[in-house]
PDB file of N, CA and C in Angstrom:
ATOM      1  N   MET A   1       3.333 -11.945 -13.883  1.00  0.00           N
ATOM      2  CA  MET A   1       4.355 -11.950 -14.901  1.00  0.00           C
ATOM      3  C   MET A   1       5.350 -13.043 -14.551  1.00  0.00           C
ATOM      4  N   LEU A   2       5.762 -13.769 -15.552  1.00  0.00           N
ATOM      5  CA  LEU A   2       6.720 -14.836 -15.335  1.00  0.00           C
ATOM      6  C   LEU A   2       8.118 -14.271 -15.125  1.00  0.00           C
ATOM      7  N   ALA A   3       8.953 -15.034 -14.436  1.00  0.00           N
ATOM      8  CA  ALA A   3      10.328 -14.602 -14.158  1.00  0.00           C
ATOM      9  C   ALA A   3      11.087 -14.364 -15.454  1.00  0.00           C
ATOM     10  N   ALA A   4      10.849 -15.193 -16.470  1.00  0.00           N
ATOM     11  CA  ALA A   4      11.547 -15.035 -17.748  1.00  0.00           C
ATOM     12  C   ALA A   4      11.199 -13.700 -18.397  1.00  0.00           C
ATOM     13  N   ALA A   5       9.948 -13.292 -18.292  1.00  0.00           N
ATOM     14  CA  ALA A   5       9.538 -12.005 -18.850  1.00  0.00           C
ATOM     15  C   ALA A   5      10.223 -10.866 -18.099  1.00  0.00           C
ATOM     16  N   GLY A   6      10.327 -10.988 -16.781  1.00  0.00           N
ATOM     17  CA  GLY A   6      11.021  -9.987 -15.995  1.00  0.00           C
ATOM     18  C   GLY A   6      12.494  -9.911 -16.351  1.00  0.00           C
ATOM     19  N   ASP A   7      13.118 -11.064 -16.554  1.00  0.00           N
ATOM     20  CA  ASP A   7      14.518 -11.095 -16.974  1.00  0.00           C
ATOM     21  C   ASP A   7      14.691 -10.404 -18.319  1.00  0.00           C
ATOM     22  N   ASN A   8      13.756 -10.634 -19.227  1.00  0.00           N
ATOM     23  CA  ASN A   8      13.824 -10.017 -20.542  1.00  0.00           C
ATOM     24  C   ASN A   8      13.702  -8.500 -20.441  1.00  0.00           C
ATOM     25  N   ILE A   9      12.841  -8.028 -19.582  1.00  0.00           N
ATOM     26  CA  ILE A   9      12.687  -6.578 -19.384  1.00  0.00           C
ATOM     27  C   ILE A   9      13.991  -5.981 -18.862  1.00  0.00           C
ATOM     28  N   VAL A  10      14.619  -6.642 -17.898  1.00  0.00           N
ATOM     29  CA  VAL A  10      15.886  -6.160 -17.345  1.00  0.00           C
ATOM     30  C   VAL A  10      16.956  -6.122 -18.428  1.00  0.00           C
ATOM     31  N   LYS A  11      17.020  -7.153 -19.264  1.00  0.00           N
ATOM     32  CA  LYS A  11      18.017  -7.180 -20.342  1.00  0.00           C
ATOM     33  C   LYS A  11      17.788  -6.051 -21.330  1.00  0.00           C
ATOM     34  N   LEU A  12      16.534  -5.807 -21.698  1.00  0.00           N
ATOM     35  CA  LEU A  12      16.227  -4.727 -22.634  1.00  0.00           C
ATOM     36  C   LEU A  12      16.600  -3.370 -22.054  1.00  0.00           C
ATOM     37  N   LEU A  13      16.261  -3.140 -20.792  1.00  0.00           N
ATOM     38  CA  LEU A  13      16.594  -1.865 -20.155  1.00  0.00           C
ATOM     39  C   LEU A  13      18.103  -1.697 -20.028  1.00  0.00           C
ATOM     40  N   SER A  14      18.812  -2.788 -19.724  1.00  0.00           N
ATOM     41  CA  SER A  14      20.272  -2.731 -19.615  1.00  0.00           C
ATOM     42  C   SER A  14      20.921  -2.390 -20.951  1.00  0.00           C
ATOM     43  N   ALA A  15      20.264  -2.807 -22.035  1.00  0.00           N
ATOM     44  CA  ALA A  15      20.773  -2.524 -23.383  1.00  0.00           C
ATOM     45  C   ALA A  15      20.366  -1.140 -23.860  1.00  0.00           C
ATOM     46  N   GLY A  16      19.690  -0.367 -23.010  1.00  0.00           N
ATOM     47  CA  GLY A  16      19.297   0.983 -23.380  1.00  0.00           C
ATOM     48  C   GLY A  16      17.994   1.059 -24.158  1.00  0.00           C
ATOM     49  N   LYS A  17      17.296  -0.040 -24.243  1.00  0.00           N
ATOM     50  CA  LYS A  17      16.025  -0.074 -24.964  1.00  0.00           C
ATOM     51  C   LYS A  17      14.910   0.508 -24.098  1.00  0.00           C
ATOM     52  N   THR A  18      13.833   0.898 -24.756  1.00  0.00           N
ATOM     53  CA  THR A  18      12.646   1.390 -24.065  1.00  0.00           C
ATOM     54  C   THR A  18      11.652   0.250 -23.917  1.00  0.00           C
ATOM     55  N   VAL A  19      11.111   0.097 -22.734  1.00  0.00           N
ATOM     56  CA  VAL A  19      10.109  -0.932 -22.473  1.00  0.00           C
ATOM     57  C   VAL A  19       8.802  -0.236 -22.142  1.00  0.00           C
ATOM     58  N   ARG A  20       7.750  -0.607 -22.822  1.00  0.00           N
ATOM     59  CA  ARG A  20       6.435  -0.011 -22.564  1.00  0.00           C
ATOM     60  C   ARG A  20       5.501  -1.097 -22.017  1.00  0.00           C
ATOM     61  N   ALA A  21       4.872  -0.787 -20.926  1.00  0.00           N
ATOM     62  CA  ALA A  21       3.907  -1.709 -20.324  1.00  0.00           C
ATOM     63  C   ALA A  21       2.526  -1.076 -20.399  1.00  0.00           C
ATOM     64  N   THR A  22       1.559  -1.857 -20.806  1.00  0.00           N
ATOM     65  CA  THR A  22       0.176  -1.381 -20.827  1.00  0.00           C
ATOM     66  C   THR A  22      -0.653  -2.319 -19.979  1.00  0.00           C
ATOM     67  N   PHE A  23      -1.625  -1.757 -19.316  1.00  0.00           N
ATOM     68  CA  PHE A  23      -2.495  -2.525 -18.447  1.00  0.00           C
ATOM     69  C   PHE A  23      -3.922  -2.322 -18.919  1.00  0.00           C
ATOM     70  N   GLY A  24      -4.576  -3.390 -19.289  1.00  0.00           N
ATOM     71  CA  GLY A  24      -5.949  -3.302 -19.750  1.00  0.00           C
ATOM     72  C   GLY A  24      -6.906  -3.097 -18.589  1.00  0.00           C
ATOM     73  N   VAL A  25      -8.095  -2.680 -18.929  1.00  0.00           N
ATOM     74  CA  VAL A  25      -9.140  -2.475 -17.936  1.00  0.00           C
ATOM     75  C   VAL A  25     -10.108  -3.645 -18.027  1.00  0.00           C
ATOM     76  N   ASP A  26     -10.298  -4.315 -16.924  1.00  0.00           N
ATOM     77  CA  ASP A  26     -11.223  -5.447 -16.879  1.00  0.00           C
ATOM     78  C   ASP A  26     -12.511  -4.966 -16.216  1.00  0.00           C
ATOM     79  N   PRO A  27     -13.551  -4.704 -17.006  1.00  0.00           N
ATOM     80  CA  PRO A  27     -14.784  -4.166 -16.411  1.00  0.00           C
ATOM     81  C   PRO A  27     -15.514  -5.152 -15.510  1.00  0.00           C
ATOM     82  N   THR A  28     -15.120  -6.431 -15.541  1.00  0.00           N
ATOM     83  CA  THR A  28     -15.789  -7.418 -14.687  1.00  0.00           C
ATOM     84  C   THR A  28     -15.150  -7.507 -13.308  1.00  0.00           C
ATOM     85  N   LEU A  29     -14.017  -6.831 -13.123  1.00  0.00           N
ATOM     86  CA  LEU A  29     -13.338  -6.889 -11.837  1.00  0.00           C
ATOM     87  C   LEU A  29     -14.041  -5.980 -10.840  1.00  0.00           C
ATOM     88  N   VAL A  30     -14.490  -6.547  -9.756  1.00  0.00           N
ATOM     89  CA  VAL A  30     -15.138  -5.787  -8.698  1.00  0.00           C
ATOM     90  C   VAL A  30     -14.392  -6.063  -7.409  1.00  0.00           C
ATOM     91  N   ILE A  31     -13.960  -5.013  -6.744  1.00  0.00           N
ATOM     92  CA  ILE A  31     -13.229  -5.182  -5.485  1.00  0.00           C
ATOM     93  C   ILE A  31     -14.173  -4.865  -4.337  1.00  0.00           C
ATOM     94  N   THR A  32     -14.340  -5.818  -3.462  1.00  0.00           N
ATOM     95  CA  THR A  32     -15.177  -5.625  -2.285  1.00  0.00           C
ATOM     96  C   THR A  32     -14.334  -5.874  -1.047  1.00  0.00           C
ATOM     97  N   THR A  33     -14.720  -5.276   0.046  1.00  0.00           N
ATOM     98  CA  THR A  33     -13.984  -5.490   1.280  1.00  0.00           C
ATOM     99  C   THR A  33     -14.380  -6.827   1.883  1.00  0.00           C
ATOM    100  N   PRO A  34     -13.424  -7.514   2.508  1.00  0.00           N
ATOM    101  CA  PRO A  34     -13.746  -8.800   3.114  1.00  0.00           C
ATOM    102  C   PRO A  34     -14.503  -8.661   4.423  1.00  0.00           C
ATOM    103  N   GLY A  35     -14.717  -7.455   4.858  1.00  0.00           N
ATOM    104  CA  GLY A  35     -15.422  -7.214   6.112  1.00  0.00           C
ATOM    105  C   GLY A  35     -15.923  -5.788   6.129  1.00  0.00           C
ATOM    106  N   PRO A  36     -16.365  -5.316   7.266  1.00  0.00           N
ATOM    107  CA  PRO A  36     -16.872  -3.941   7.337  1.00  0.00           C
ATOM    108  C   PRO A  36     -15.763  -2.915   7.135  1.00  0.00           C
ATOM    109  N   VAL A  37     -16.105  -1.806   6.509  1.00  0.00           N
ATOM    110  CA  VAL A  37     -15.152  -0.723   6.295  1.00  0.00           C
ATOM    111  C   VAL A  37     -14.967   0.038   7.596  1.00  0.00           C
ATOM    112  N   ASN A  38     -13.725   0.393   7.914  1.00  0.00           N
ATOM    113  CA  ASN A  38     -13.417   1.094   9.158  1.00  0.00           C
ATOM    114  C   ASN A  38     -13.604   2.592   8.955  1.00  0.00           C
ATOM    115  N   ASN A  39     -14.811   3.085   9.163  1.00  0.00           N
ATOM    116  CA  ASN A  39     -15.078   4.509   9.053  1.00  0.00           C
ATOM    117  C   ASN A  39     -14.828   5.245  10.368  1.00  0.00           C
ATOM    118  N   ALA A  40     -14.734   4.512  11.467  1.00  0.00           N
ATOM    119  CA  ALA A  40     -14.588   5.146  12.777  1.00  0.00           C
ATOM    120  C   ALA A  40     -13.180   5.660  13.019  1.00  0.00           C
ATOM    121  N   THR A  41     -12.155   4.837  12.721  1.00  0.00           N
ATOM    122  CA  THR A  41     -10.784   5.237  13.025  1.00  0.00           C
ATOM    123  C   THR A  41      -9.881   5.214  11.798  1.00  0.00           C
ATOM    124  N   GLY A  42     -10.423   4.981  10.617  1.00  0.00           N
ATOM    125  CA  GLY A  42      -9.606   4.967   9.411  1.00  0.00           C
ATOM    126  C   GLY A  42      -8.942   6.306   9.183  1.00  0.00           C
ATOM    127  N   GLY A  43      -7.652   6.291   8.850  1.00  0.00           N
ATOM    128  CA  GLY A  43      -6.917   7.520   8.588  1.00  0.00           C
ATOM    129  C   GLY A  43      -6.428   8.238   9.824  1.00  0.00           C
ATOM    130  N   THR A  44      -6.554   7.625  10.991  1.00  0.00           N
ATOM    131  CA  THR A  44      -6.092   8.259  12.232  1.00  0.00           C
ATOM    132  C   THR A  44      -5.082   7.346  12.925  1.00  0.00           C
ATOM    133  N   MET A  45      -4.401   7.897  13.908  1.00  0.00           N
ATOM    134  CA  MET A  45      -3.468   7.080  14.689  1.00  0.00           C
ATOM    135  C   MET A  45      -4.240   6.066  15.513  1.00  0.00           C
ATOM    136  N   SER A  46      -3.630   4.928  15.738  1.00  0.00           N
ATOM    137  CA  SER A  46      -4.247   3.914  16.588  1.00  0.00           C
ATOM    138  C   SER A  46      -4.251   4.378  18.030  1.00  0.00           C
ATOM    139  N   ILE A  47      -5.242   3.916  18.801  1.00  0.00           N
ATOM    140  CA  ILE A  47      -5.344   4.351  20.199  1.00  0.00           C
ATOM    141  C   ILE A  47      -4.182   3.839  21.042  1.00  0.00           C
ATOM    142  N   PHE A  48      -3.517   2.773  20.590  1.00  0.00           N
ATOM    143  CA  PHE A  48      -2.390   2.232  21.348  1.00  0.00           C
ATOM    144  C   PHE A  48      -1.075   2.904  20.970  1.00  0.00           C
ATOM    145  N   SER A  49      -1.091   3.868  20.035  1.00  0.00           N
ATOM    146  CA  SER A  49       0.118   4.594  19.644  1.00  0.00           C
ATOM    147  C   SER A  49       0.457   5.648  20.688  1.00  0.00           C
ATOM    148  N   THR A  50       1.742   5.952  20.802  1.00  0.00           N
ATOM    149  CA  THR A  50       2.184   6.994  21.712  1.00  0.00           C
ATOM    150  C   THR A  50       1.977   8.347  21.054  1.00  0.00           C
ATOM    151  N   TRP A  51       1.210   9.206  21.696  1.00  0.00           N
ATOM    152  CA  TRP A  51       0.985  10.552  21.180  1.00  0.00           C
ATOM    153  C   TRP A  51       0.692  11.488  22.332  1.00  0.00           C
ATOM    154  N   ASN A  52       0.712  12.752  22.079  1.00  0.00           N
ATOM    155  CA  ASN A  52       0.606  13.829  23.077  1.00  0.00           C
ATOM    156  C   ASN A  52       1.999  14.185  23.571  1.00  0.00           C
ATOM    157  N   PRO A  53       2.124  15.228  24.389  1.00  0.00           N
ATOM    158  CA  PRO A  53       3.446  15.615  24.890  1.00  0.00           C
ATOM    159  C   PRO A  53       4.062  14.518  25.760  1.00  0.00           C
ATOM    160  N   THR A  54       5.396  14.451  25.707  1.00  0.00           N
ATOM    161  CA  THR A  54       6.123  13.504  26.550  1.00  0.00           C
ATOM    162  C   THR A  54       6.299  14.113  27.937  1.00  0.00           C
ATOM    163  N   ASN A  55       6.953  13.376  28.837  1.00  0.00           N
ATOM    164  CA  ASN A  55       7.231  13.899  30.181  1.00  0.00           C
ATOM    165  C   ASN A  55       8.110  15.141  30.136  1.00  0.00           C
ATOM    166  N   GLU A  56       8.902  15.272  29.060  1.00  0.00           N
ATOM    167  CA  GLU A  56       9.761  16.447  28.891  1.00  0.00           C
ATOM    168  C   GLU A  56       9.036  17.556  28.129  1.00  0.00           C
ATOM    169  N   ASN A  57       7.745  17.394  27.894  1.00  0.00           N
ATOM    170  CA  ASN A  57       6.902  18.350  27.196  1.00  0.00           C
ATOM    171  C   ASN A  57       7.265  18.506  25.720  1.00  0.00           C
ATOM    172  N   ALA A  58       7.862  17.454  25.136  1.00  0.00           N
ATOM    173  CA  ALA A  58       8.160  17.457  23.710  1.00  0.00           C
ATOM    174  C   ALA A  58       6.947  16.903  22.960  1.00  0.00           C
ATOM    175  N   ILE A  59       6.720  17.423  21.770  1.00  0.00           N
ATOM    176  CA  ILE A  59       5.595  16.944  20.960  1.00  0.00           C
ATOM    177  C   ILE A  59       6.041  15.676  20.244  1.00  0.00           C
ATOM    178  N   LYS A  60       5.355  14.594  20.486  1.00  0.00           N
ATOM    179  CA  LYS A  60       5.665  13.316  19.856  1.00  0.00           C
ATOM    180  C   LYS A  60       4.369  12.678  19.386  1.00  0.00           C
ATOM    181  N   PRO A  61       4.349  11.905  18.389  1.00  0.00           N
ATOM    182  CA  PRO A  61       5.452  11.549  17.507  1.00  0.00           C
ATOM    183  C   PRO A  61       5.733  12.666  16.517  1.00  0.00           C
ATOM    184  N   ILE A  62       6.931  12.639  15.974  1.00  0.00           N
ATOM    185  CA  ILE A  62       7.308  13.627  14.974  1.00  0.00           C
ATOM    186  C   ILE A  62       6.714  13.232  13.619  1.00  0.00           C
ATOM    187  N   VAL A  63       6.698  11.949  13.344  1.00  0.00           N
ATOM    188  CA  VAL A  63       6.123  11.420  12.104  1.00  0.00           C
ATOM    189  C   VAL A  63       5.060  10.412  12.497  1.00  0.00           C
ATOM    190  N   SER A  64       3.930  10.460  11.821  1.00  0.00           N
ATOM    191  CA  SER A  64       2.849   9.538  12.143  1.00  0.00           C
ATOM    192  C   SER A  64       2.167   9.074  10.866  1.00  0.00           C
ATOM    193  N   ALA A  65       1.555   7.938  10.939  1.00  0.00           N
ATOM    194  CA  ALA A  65       0.777   7.397   9.821  1.00  0.00           C
ATOM    195  C   ALA A  65      -0.319   6.527  10.406  1.00  0.00           C
ATOM    196  N   PRO A  66      -1.398   6.324   9.662  1.00  0.00           N
ATOM    197  CA  PRO A  66      -2.424   5.414  10.166  1.00  0.00           C
ATOM    198  C   PRO A  66      -1.799   4.043  10.390  1.00  0.00           C
ATOM    199  N   GLY A  67      -2.162   3.397  11.472  1.00  0.00           N
ATOM    200  CA  GLY A  67      -1.468   2.173  11.797  1.00  0.00           C
ATOM    201  C   GLY A  67      -2.312   0.944  12.023  1.00  0.00           C
ATOM    202  N   GLY A  68      -3.590   1.066  12.254  1.00  0.00           N
ATOM    203  CA  GLY A  68      -4.375  -0.113  12.559  1.00  0.00           C
ATOM    204  C   GLY A  68      -5.542  -0.296  11.614  1.00  0.00           C
ATOM    205  N   PHE A  69      -5.944  -1.526  11.467  1.00  0.00           N
ATOM    206  CA  PHE A  69      -7.104  -1.876  10.651  1.00  0.00           C
ATOM    207  C   PHE A  69      -6.980  -1.342   9.232  1.00  0.00           C
ATOM    208  N   ILE A  70      -5.812  -1.510   8.629  1.00  0.00           N
ATOM    209  CA  ILE A  70      -5.589  -1.031   7.266  1.00  0.00           C
ATOM    210  C   ILE A  70      -5.880  -2.155   6.296  1.00  0.00           C
ATOM    211  N   LEU A  71      -6.780  -1.893   5.373  1.00  0.00           N
ATOM    212  CA  LEU A  71      -7.123  -2.871   4.352  1.00  0.00           C
ATOM    213  C   LEU A  71      -6.148  -2.724   3.197  1.00  0.00           C
ATOM    214  N   SER A  72      -5.450  -3.765   2.903  1.00  0.00           N
ATOM    215  CA  SER A  72      -4.518  -3.750   1.796  1.00  0.00           C
ATOM    216  C   SER A  72      -5.097  -4.613   0.682  1.00  0.00           C
ATOM    217  N   THR A  73      -4.306  -5.447   0.108  1.00  0.00           N
ATOM    218  CA  THR A  73      -4.779  -6.321  -0.951  1.00  0.00           C
ATOM    219  C   THR A  73      -4.931  -7.734  -0.394  1.00  0.00           C
ATOM    220  N   TYR A  74      -5.731  -8.516  -1.049  1.00  0.00           N
ATOM    221  CA  TYR A  74      -5.892  -9.900  -0.654  1.00  0.00           C
ATOM    222  C   TYR A  74      -6.161 -10.735  -1.880  1.00  0.00           C
ATOM    223  N   LEU A  75      -5.799 -12.005  -1.814  1.00  0.00           N
ATOM    224  CA  LEU A  75      -5.910 -12.908  -2.950  1.00  0.00           C
ATOM    225  C   LEU A  75      -7.361 -13.304  -3.173  1.00  0.00           C
ATOM    226  N   ARG A  76      -7.848 -13.100  -4.383  1.00  0.00           N
ATOM    227  CA  ARG A  76      -9.223 -13.457  -4.726  1.00  0.00           C
ATOM    228  C   ARG A  76      -9.350 -14.871  -5.260  1.00  0.00           C
ATOM    229  N   SER A  77      -8.335 -15.328  -5.981  1.00  0.00           N
ATOM    230  CA  SER A  77      -8.409 -16.691  -6.537  1.00  0.00           C
ATOM    231  C   SER A  77      -7.009 -17.253  -6.744  1.00  0.00           C
TER     232      SER A  77
END
């Protein structure tokens, strides 16, 4: 989307207008991974992350998320 279109959307919303966005479906779009899929450790903590009880016997980490080998988006063209 061009910056001018984004500016126009902001102006319309600021004026109290409703903005509707629709996204078409492109049946020719195929998403493939650029390499092998990580089925071994995907969705788990990385081995280099700190986990297990601490020296004070506290359970850590309190919050965790998968951290390594995460496939996000990449530019196709």
